Amino acid sequence: MQEHPTGLPAGRAMPAPKNAMGYTVAEAAKILGKHPNTIYAWTRPGYPLADARQIGSTFYIPRRAVRALLDLDDMAELATANGGEVA
């Protein structure tokens, strides 16, 4: 039996959020490899994580928003490797 039945490349699987609302700023920062202050800045209107929700003093980042940023990062890496630009 396979240990990791998802078939995702090693190191590319996203951990499930501990809360149904999504990732906390600290969790999103760790996944994206950014400083938590960057994640907070990105929660403002017009930025990539503007659909984050604040409940009390905690911000929750939707999983789809984090995934979208990871996909953009993959596109940038691919373009750099091929000597092109991201469209």
PDB file of N, CA and C in Angstrom:
ATOM      1  N   MET A   1       0.837  -1.187   0.000  1.00  0.00           N
ATOM      2  CA  MET A   1       0.000   0.000   0.000  1.00  0.00           C
ATOM      3  C   MET A   1       0.879   1.248   0.000  1.00  0.00           C
ATOM      4  N   GLN A   2       0.484   2.245  -0.772  1.00  0.00           N
ATOM      5  CA  GLN A   2       1.256   3.468  -0.852  1.00  0.00           C
ATOM      6  C   GLN A   2       1.170   4.263   0.436  1.00  0.00           C
ATOM      7  N   GLU A   3       2.313   4.861   0.802  1.00  0.00           N
ATOM      8  CA  GLU A   3       2.334   5.689   2.002  1.00  0.00           C
ATOM      9  C   GLU A   3       1.647   7.027   1.746  1.00  0.00           C
ATOM     10  N   HIS A   4       1.809   7.574   0.528  1.00  0.00           N
ATOM     11  CA  HIS A   4       1.207   8.855   0.146  1.00  0.00           C
ATOM     12  C   HIS A   4       0.356   8.647  -1.099  1.00  0.00           C
ATOM     13  N   PRO A   5      -0.910   8.282  -0.938  1.00  0.00           N
ATOM     14  CA  PRO A   5      -1.743   7.934  -2.085  1.00  0.00           C
ATOM     15  C   PRO A   5      -2.149   9.116  -2.960  1.00  0.00           C
ATOM     16  N   THR A   6      -1.824  10.346  -2.596  1.00  0.00           N
ATOM     17  CA  THR A   6      -2.244  11.499  -3.391  1.00  0.00           C
ATOM     18  C   THR A   6      -1.494  11.597  -4.703  1.00  0.00           C
ATOM     19  N   GLY A   7      -0.287  11.083  -4.767  1.00  0.00           N
ATOM     20  CA  GLY A   7       0.484  11.135  -5.990  1.00  0.00           C
ATOM     21  C   GLY A   7       1.065  12.515  -6.282  1.00  0.00           C
ATOM     22  N   LEU A   8       1.027  13.435  -5.331  1.00  0.00           N
ATOM     23  CA  LEU A   8       1.599  14.761  -5.539  1.00  0.00           C
ATOM     24  C   LEU A   8       3.108  14.700  -5.418  1.00  0.00           C
ATOM     25  N   PRO A   9       3.825  15.560  -6.127  1.00  0.00           N
ATOM     26  CA  PRO A   9       5.277  15.580  -6.003  1.00  0.00           C
ATOM     27  C   PRO A   9       5.687  15.862  -4.559  1.00  0.00           C
ATOM     28  N   ALA A  10       6.795  15.324  -4.168  1.00  0.00           N
ATOM     29  CA  ALA A  10       7.279  15.517  -2.797  1.00  0.00           C
ATOM     30  C   ALA A  10       7.447  16.998  -2.495  1.00  0.00           C
ATOM     31  N   GLY A  11       6.956  17.413  -1.355  1.00  0.00           N
ATOM     32  CA  GLY A  11       7.103  18.796  -0.926  1.00  0.00           C
ATOM     33  C   GLY A  11       6.091  19.762  -1.515  1.00  0.00           C
ATOM     34  N   ARG A  12       5.165  19.318  -2.341  1.00  0.00           N
ATOM     35  CA  ARG A  12       4.222  20.222  -2.989  1.00  0.00           C
ATOM     36  C   ARG A  12       2.815  20.108  -2.415  1.00  0.00           C
ATOM     37  N   ALA A  13       2.575  19.165  -1.533  1.00  0.00           N
ATOM     38  CA  ALA A  13       1.246  19.017  -0.946  1.00  0.00           C
ATOM     39  C   ALA A  13       1.036  20.112   0.098  1.00  0.00           C
ATOM     40  N   MET A  14      -0.147  20.709   0.090  1.00  0.00           N
ATOM     41  CA  MET A  14      -0.472  21.733   1.071  1.00  0.00           C
ATOM     42  C   MET A  14      -1.118  21.079   2.275  1.00  0.00           C
ATOM     43  N   PRO A  15      -0.685  21.439   3.479  1.00  0.00           N
ATOM     44  CA  PRO A  15      -1.354  20.888   4.656  1.00  0.00           C
ATOM     45  C   PRO A  15      -2.772  21.442   4.753  1.00  0.00           C
ATOM     46  N   ALA A  16      -3.668  20.642   5.270  1.00  0.00           N
ATOM     47  CA  ALA A  16      -5.047  21.102   5.436  1.00  0.00           C
ATOM     48  C   ALA A  16      -5.092  22.157   6.536  1.00  0.00           C
ATOM     49  N   PRO A  17      -5.924  23.197   6.358  1.00  0.00           N
ATOM     50  CA  PRO A  17      -6.044  24.192   7.414  1.00  0.00           C
ATOM     51  C   PRO A  17      -6.596  23.557   8.688  1.00  0.00           C
ATOM     52  N   LYS A  18      -6.124  24.029   9.825  1.00  0.00           N
ATOM     53  CA  LYS A  18      -6.615  23.509  11.096  1.00  0.00           C
ATOM     54  C   LYS A  18      -8.023  23.995  11.381  1.00  0.00           C
ATOM     55  N   ASN A  19      -8.424  25.088  10.741  1.00  0.00           N
ATOM     56  CA  ASN A  19      -9.736  25.674  10.949  1.00  0.00           C
ATOM     57  C   ASN A  19     -10.484  25.653   9.617  1.00  0.00           C
ATOM     58  N   ALA A  20     -11.762  25.405   9.650  1.00  0.00           N
ATOM     59  CA  ALA A  20     -12.570  25.361   8.431  1.00  0.00           C
ATOM     60  C   ALA A  20     -12.605  26.704   7.705  1.00  0.00           C
ATOM     61  N   MET A  21     -12.304  27.788   8.406  1.00  0.00           N
ATOM     62  CA  MET A  21     -12.304  29.115   7.787  1.00  0.00           C
ATOM     63  C   MET A  21     -11.129  29.290   6.834  1.00  0.00           C
ATOM     64  N   GLY A  22     -10.057  28.528   7.012  1.00  0.00           N
ATOM     65  CA  GLY A  22      -8.881  28.650   6.169  1.00  0.00           C
ATOM     66  C   GLY A  22      -7.622  28.676   7.007  1.00  0.00           C
ATOM     67  N   TYR A  23      -6.542  29.170   6.391  1.00  0.00           N
ATOM     68  CA  TYR A  23      -5.260  29.245   7.067  1.00  0.00           C
ATOM     69  C   TYR A  23      -5.152  30.512   7.892  1.00  0.00           C
ATOM     70  N   THR A  24      -4.446  30.435   9.010  1.00  0.00           N
ATOM     71  CA  THR A  24      -4.111  31.646   9.751  1.00  0.00           C
ATOM     72  C   THR A  24      -2.974  32.336   9.001  1.00  0.00           C
ATOM     73  N   VAL A  25      -2.669  33.554   9.385  1.00  0.00           N
ATOM     74  CA  VAL A  25      -1.575  34.288   8.746  1.00  0.00           C
ATOM     75  C   VAL A  25      -0.267  33.521   8.915  1.00  0.00           C
ATOM     76  N   ALA A  26      -0.016  32.983  10.094  1.00  0.00           N
ATOM     77  CA  ALA A  26       1.222  32.242  10.335  1.00  0.00           C
ATOM     78  C   ALA A  26       1.311  31.004   9.442  1.00  0.00           C
ATOM     79  N   GLU A  27       0.202  30.281   9.300  1.00  0.00           N
ATOM     80  CA  GLU A  27       0.198  29.090   8.451  1.00  0.00           C
ATOM     81  C   GLU A  27       0.418  29.466   6.986  1.00  0.00           C
ATOM     82  N   ALA A  28      -0.274  30.496   6.516  1.00  0.00           N
ATOM     83  CA  ALA A  28      -0.118  30.934   5.121  1.00  0.00           C
ATOM     84  C   ALA A  28       1.306  31.416   4.863  1.00  0.00           C
ATOM     85  N   ALA A  29       1.876  32.130   5.811  1.00  0.00           N
ATOM     86  CA  ALA A  29       3.250  32.618   5.654  1.00  0.00           C
ATOM     87  C   ALA A  29       4.228  31.458   5.513  1.00  0.00           C
ATOM     88  N   LYS A  30       4.046  30.439   6.313  1.00  0.00           N
ATOM     89  CA  LYS A  30       4.935  29.271   6.258  1.00  0.00           C
ATOM     90  C   LYS A  30       4.796  28.551   4.917  1.00  0.00           C
ATOM     91  N   ILE A  31       3.570  28.360   4.456  1.00  0.00           N
ATOM     92  CA  ILE A  31       3.324  27.671   3.186  1.00  0.00           C
ATOM     93  C   ILE A  31       3.917  28.444   2.015  1.00  0.00           C
ATOM     94  N   LEU A  32       3.723  29.772   2.034  1.00  0.00           N
ATOM     95  CA  LEU A  32       4.167  30.610   0.919  1.00  0.00           C
ATOM     96  C   LEU A  32       5.627  31.041   1.019  1.00  0.00           C
ATOM     97  N   GLY A  33       6.242  30.789   2.174  1.00  0.00           N
ATOM     98  CA  GLY A  33       7.643  31.187   2.350  1.00  0.00           C
ATOM     99  C   GLY A  33       7.799  32.694   2.463  1.00  0.00           C
ATOM    100  N   LYS A  34       6.827  33.358   3.064  1.00  0.00           N
ATOM    101  CA  LYS A  34       6.836  34.818   3.230  1.00  0.00           C
ATOM    102  C   LYS A  34       6.795  35.177   4.700  1.00  0.00           C
ATOM    103  N   HIS A  35       7.123  36.401   5.019  1.00  0.00           N
ATOM    104  CA  HIS A  35       7.032  36.898   6.389  1.00  0.00           C
ATOM    105  C   HIS A  35       5.562  37.158   6.710  1.00  0.00           C
ATOM    106  N   PRO A  36       5.131  36.912   7.941  1.00  0.00           N
ATOM    107  CA  PRO A  36       3.735  37.188   8.295  1.00  0.00           C
ATOM    108  C   PRO A  36       3.292  38.623   7.999  1.00  0.00           C
ATOM    109  N   ASN A  37       4.197  39.589   8.127  1.00  0.00           N
ATOM    110  CA  ASN A  37       3.827  40.972   7.805  1.00  0.00           C
ATOM    111  C   ASN A  37       3.449  41.127   6.333  1.00  0.00           C
ATOM    112  N   THR A  38       4.092  40.356   5.465  1.00  0.00           N
ATOM    113  CA  THR A  38       3.743  40.378   4.044  1.00  0.00           C
ATOM    114  C   THR A  38       2.333  39.844   3.842  1.00  0.00           C
ATOM    115  N   ILE A  39       2.007  38.780   4.536  1.00  0.00           N
ATOM    116  CA  ILE A  39       0.664  38.191   4.420  1.00  0.00           C
ATOM    117  C   ILE A  39      -0.383  39.192   4.904  1.00  0.00           C
ATOM    118  N   TYR A  40      -0.117  39.843   6.036  1.00  0.00           N
ATOM    119  CA  TYR A  40      -1.050  40.872   6.517  1.00  0.00           C
ATOM    120  C   TYR A  40      -1.222  41.976   5.472  1.00  0.00           C
ATOM    121  N   ALA A  41      -0.136  42.414   4.862  1.00  0.00           N
ATOM    122  CA  ALA A  41      -0.207  43.474   3.853  1.00  0.00           C
ATOM    123  C   ALA A  41      -1.036  43.031   2.653  1.00  0.00           C
ATOM    124  N   TRP A  42      -0.937  41.756   2.292  1.00  0.00           N
ATOM    125  CA  TRP A  42      -1.672  41.227   1.142  1.00  0.00           C
ATOM    126  C   TRP A  42      -3.156  41.036   1.413  1.00  0.00           C
ATOM    127  N   THR A  43      -3.616  41.247   2.645  1.00  0.00           N
ATOM    128  CA  THR A  43      -5.045  41.099   2.945  1.00  0.00           C
ATOM    129  C   THR A  43      -5.814  42.394   2.691  1.00  0.00           C
ATOM    130  N   ARG A  44      -5.124  43.467   2.320  1.00  0.00           N
ATOM    131  CA  ARG A  44      -5.807  44.732   2.027  1.00  0.00           C
ATOM    132  C   ARG A  44      -6.492  44.678   0.660  1.00  0.00           C
ATOM    133  N   PRO A  45      -7.525  45.503   0.474  1.00  0.00           N
ATOM    134  CA  PRO A  45      -8.235  45.521  -0.822  1.00  0.00           C
ATOM    135  C   PRO A  45      -7.273  45.764  -1.985  1.00  0.00           C
ATOM    136  N   GLY A  46      -7.464  44.992  -3.051  1.00  0.00           N
ATOM    137  CA  GLY A  46      -6.636  45.122  -4.237  1.00  0.00           C
ATOM    138  C   GLY A  46      -5.398  44.233  -4.228  1.00  0.00           C
ATOM    139  N   TYR A  47      -5.157  43.526  -3.150  1.00  0.00           N
ATOM    140  CA  TYR A  47      -4.000  42.653  -3.038  1.00  0.00           C
ATOM    141  C   TYR A  47      -4.440  41.192  -3.162  1.00  0.00           C
ATOM    142  N   PRO A  48      -3.482  40.269  -3.339  1.00  0.00           N
ATOM    143  CA  PRO A  48      -3.836  38.871  -3.635  1.00  0.00           C
ATOM    144  C   PRO A  48      -4.687  38.159  -2.583  1.00  0.00           C
ATOM    145  N   LEU A  49      -4.610  38.564  -1.336  1.00  0.00           N
ATOM    146  CA  LEU A  49      -5.354  37.875  -0.285  1.00  0.00           C
ATOM    147  C   LEU A  49      -6.468  38.742   0.287  1.00  0.00           C
ATOM    148  N   ALA A  50      -7.026  39.608  -0.551  1.00  0.00           N
ATOM    149  CA  ALA A  50      -8.062  40.544  -0.101  1.00  0.00           C
ATOM    150  C   ALA A  50      -9.323  39.842   0.370  1.00  0.00           C
ATOM    151  N   ASP A  51      -9.527  38.590  -0.022  1.00  0.00           N
ATOM    152  CA  ASP A  51     -10.724  37.871   0.416  1.00  0.00           C
ATOM    153  C   ASP A  51     -10.539  37.176   1.768  1.00  0.00           C
ATOM    154  N   ALA A  52      -9.448  37.496   2.472  1.00  0.00           N
ATOM    155  CA  ALA A  52      -9.250  36.974   3.827  1.00  0.00           C
ATOM    156  C   ALA A  52     -10.349  37.526   4.730  1.00  0.00           C
ATOM    157  N   ARG A  53     -10.684  36.766   5.742  1.00  0.00           N
ATOM    158  CA  ARG A  53     -11.716  37.174   6.694  1.00  0.00           C
ATOM    159  C   ARG A  53     -11.094  37.350   8.064  1.00  0.00           C
ATOM    160  N   GLN A  54     -11.462  38.431   8.727  1.00  0.00           N
ATOM    161  CA  GLN A  54     -10.970  38.671  10.080  1.00  0.00           C
ATOM    162  C   GLN A  54     -12.082  38.364  11.069  1.00  0.00           C
ATOM    163  N   ILE A  55     -11.774  37.504  12.011  1.00  0.00           N
ATOM    164  CA  ILE A  55     -12.704  37.183  13.081  1.00  0.00           C
ATOM    165  C   ILE A  55     -11.960  37.464  14.373  1.00  0.00           C
ATOM    166  N   GLY A  56     -12.426  38.459  15.097  1.00  0.00           N
ATOM    167  CA  GLY A  56     -11.692  38.918  16.272  1.00  0.00           C
ATOM    168  C   GLY A  56     -10.373  39.499  15.810  1.00  0.00           C
ATOM    169  N   SER A  57      -9.294  39.009  16.359  1.00  0.00           N
ATOM    170  CA  SER A  57      -7.974  39.506  15.948  1.00  0.00           C
ATOM    171  C   SER A  57      -7.269  38.553  14.983  1.00  0.00           C
ATOM    172  N   THR A  58      -7.963  37.495  14.567  1.00  0.00           N
ATOM    173  CA  THR A  58      -7.359  36.488  13.699  1.00  0.00           C
ATOM    174  C   THR A  58      -7.854  36.627  12.263  1.00  0.00           C
ATOM    175  N   PHE A  59      -6.905  36.647  11.323  1.00  0.00           N
ATOM    176  CA  PHE A  59      -7.231  36.639   9.898  1.00  0.00           C
ATOM    177  C   PHE A  59      -7.207  35.201   9.415  1.00  0.00           C
ATOM    178  N   TYR A  60      -8.172  34.846   8.580  1.00  0.00           N
ATOM    179  CA  TYR A  60      -8.225  33.523   7.959  1.00  0.00           C
ATOM    180  C   TYR A  60      -8.108  33.693   6.455  1.00  0.00           C
ATOM    181  N   ILE A  61      -7.148  32.990   5.874  1.00  0.00           N
ATOM    182  CA  ILE A  61      -6.860  33.065   4.445  1.00  0.00           C
ATOM    183  C   ILE A  61      -7.481  31.834   3.782  1.00  0.00           C
ATOM    184  N   PRO A  62      -8.370  32.019   2.787  1.00  0.00           N
ATOM    185  CA  PRO A  62      -8.974  30.859   2.119  1.00  0.00           C
ATOM    186  C   PRO A  62      -7.912  29.979   1.447  1.00  0.00           C
ATOM    187  N   ARG A  63      -8.120  28.685   1.505  1.00  0.00           N
ATOM    188  CA  ARG A  63      -7.185  27.736   0.903  1.00  0.00           C
ATOM    189  C   ARG A  63      -7.000  28.013  -0.589  1.00  0.00           C
ATOM    190  N   ARG A  64      -8.081  28.351  -1.281  1.00  0.00           N
ATOM    191  CA  ARG A  64      -7.983  28.603  -2.729  1.00  0.00           C
ATOM    192  C   ARG A  64      -7.085  29.796  -3.034  1.00  0.00           C
ATOM    193  N   ALA A  65      -7.062  30.797  -2.148  1.00  0.00           N
ATOM    194  CA  ALA A  65      -6.214  31.976  -2.357  1.00  0.00           C
ATOM    195  C   ALA A  65      -4.738  31.606  -2.215  1.00  0.00           C
ATOM    196  N   VAL A  66      -4.432  30.777  -1.239  1.00  0.00           N
ATOM    197  CA  VAL A  66      -3.046  30.328  -1.052  1.00  0.00           C
ATOM    198  C   VAL A  66      -2.633  29.464  -2.231  1.00  0.00           C
ATOM    199  N   ARG A  67      -3.531  28.588  -2.661  1.00  0.00           N
ATOM    200  CA  ARG A  67      -3.231  27.709  -3.796  1.00  0.00           C
ATOM    201  C   ARG A  67      -2.966  28.532  -5.062  1.00  0.00           C
ATOM    202  N   ALA A  68      -3.755  29.579  -5.271  1.00  0.00           N
ATOM    203  CA  ALA A  68      -3.575  30.432  -6.447  1.00  0.00           C
ATOM    204  C   ALA A  68      -2.192  31.082  -6.442  1.00  0.00           C
ATOM    205  N   LEU A  69      -1.748  31.521  -5.276  1.00  0.00           N
ATOM    206  CA  LEU A  69      -0.417  32.125  -5.192  1.00  0.00           C
ATOM    207  C   LEU A  69       0.676  31.095  -5.434  1.00  0.00           C
ATOM    208  N   LEU A  70       0.486  29.881  -4.962  1.00  0.00           N
ATOM    209  CA  LEU A  70       1.463  28.825  -5.228  1.00  0.00           C
ATOM    210  C   LEU A  70       1.511  28.508  -6.719  1.00  0.00           C
ATOM    211  N   ASP A  71       0.358  28.483  -7.370  1.00  0.00           N
ATOM    212  CA  ASP A  71       0.316  28.223  -8.810  1.00  0.00           C
ATOM    213  C   ASP A  71       1.013  29.331  -9.584  1.00  0.00           C
ATOM    214  N   LEU A  72       0.842  30.586  -9.169  1.00  0.00           N
ATOM    215  CA  LEU A  72       1.534  31.699  -9.820  1.00  0.00           C
ATOM    216  C   LEU A  72       3.034  31.570  -9.646  1.00  0.00           C
ATOM    217  N   ASP A  73       3.463  31.133  -8.462  1.00  0.00           N
ATOM    218  CA  ASP A  73       4.879  30.944  -8.189  1.00  0.00           C
ATOM    219  C   ASP A  73       5.442  29.852  -9.091  1.00  0.00           C
ATOM    220  N   ASP A  74       4.681  28.770  -9.293  1.00  0.00           N
ATOM    221  CA  ASP A  74       5.120  27.696 -10.182  1.00  0.00           C
ATOM    222  C   ASP A  74       5.275  28.206 -11.612  1.00  0.00           C
ATOM    223  N   MET A  75       4.355  29.060 -12.054  1.00  0.00           N
ATOM    224  CA  MET A  75       4.437  29.613 -13.412  1.00  0.00           C
ATOM    225  C   MET A  75       5.679  30.477 -13.561  1.00  0.00           C
ATOM    226  N   ALA A  76       5.990  31.260 -12.543  1.00  0.00           N
ATOM    227  CA  ALA A  76       7.170  32.128 -12.597  1.00  0.00           C
ATOM    228  C   ALA A  76       8.443  31.300 -12.652  1.00  0.00           C
ATOM    229  N   GLU A  77       8.493  30.224 -11.868  1.00  0.00           N
ATOM    230  CA  GLU A  77       9.664  29.332 -11.892  1.00  0.00           C
ATOM    231  C   GLU A  77       9.813  28.691 -13.262  1.00  0.00           C
ATOM    232  N   LEU A  78       8.724  28.261 -13.861  1.00  0.00           N
ATOM    233  CA  LEU A  78       8.756  27.616 -15.171  1.00  0.00           C
ATOM    234  C   LEU A  78       9.257  28.613 -16.220  1.00  0.00           C
ATOM    235  N   ALA A  79       8.738  29.842 -16.188  1.00  0.00           N
ATOM    236  CA  ALA A  79       9.148  30.847 -17.163  1.00  0.00           C
ATOM    237  C   ALA A  79      10.625  31.185 -17.014  1.00  0.00           C
ATOM    238  N   THR A  80      11.100  31.291 -15.779  1.00  0.00           N
ATOM    239  CA  THR A  80      12.498  31.602 -15.536  1.00  0.00           C
ATOM    240  C   THR A  80      13.394  30.477 -16.046  1.00  0.00           C
ATOM    241  N   ALA A  81      12.967  29.246 -15.812  1.00  0.00           N
ATOM    242  CA  ALA A  81      13.741  28.102 -16.263  1.00  0.00           C
ATOM    243  C   ALA A  81      13.817  28.038 -17.787  1.00  0.00           C
ATOM    244  N   ASN A  82      12.749  28.499 -18.458  1.00  0.00           N
ATOM    245  CA  ASN A  82      12.692  28.463 -19.920  1.00  0.00           C
ATOM    246  C   ASN A  82      13.163  29.756 -20.547  1.00  0.00           C
ATOM    247  N   GLY A  83      13.552  30.738 -19.734  1.00  0.00           N
ATOM    248  CA  GLY A  83      14.035  32.013 -20.257  1.00  0.00           C
ATOM    249  C   GLY A  83      12.940  32.918 -20.751  1.00  0.00           C
ATOM    250  N   GLY A  84      11.692  32.648 -20.387  1.00  0.00           N
ATOM    251  CA  GLY A  84      10.588  33.469 -20.841  1.00  0.00           C
ATOM    252  C   GLY A  84       9.991  34.298 -19.731  1.00  0.00           C
ATOM    253  N   GLU A  85       8.879  34.927 -20.039  1.00  0.00           N
ATOM    254  CA  GLU A  85       8.170  35.727 -19.048  1.00  0.00           C
ATOM    255  C   GLU A  85       6.802  35.118 -18.779  1.00  0.00           C
ATOM    256  N   VAL A  86       6.280  35.414 -17.597  1.00  0.00           N
ATOM    257  CA  VAL A  86       4.954  34.950 -17.246  1.00  0.00           C
ATOM    258  C   VAL A  86       3.940  35.862 -17.881  1.00  0.00           C
ATOM    259  N   ALA A  87       2.966  35.279 -18.569  1.00  0.00           N
ATOM    260  CA  ALA A  87       1.935  36.088 -19.246  1.00  0.00           C
ATOM    261  C   ALA A  87       0.932  36.626 -18.276  1.00  0.00           C
TER     262      ALA A  87
END
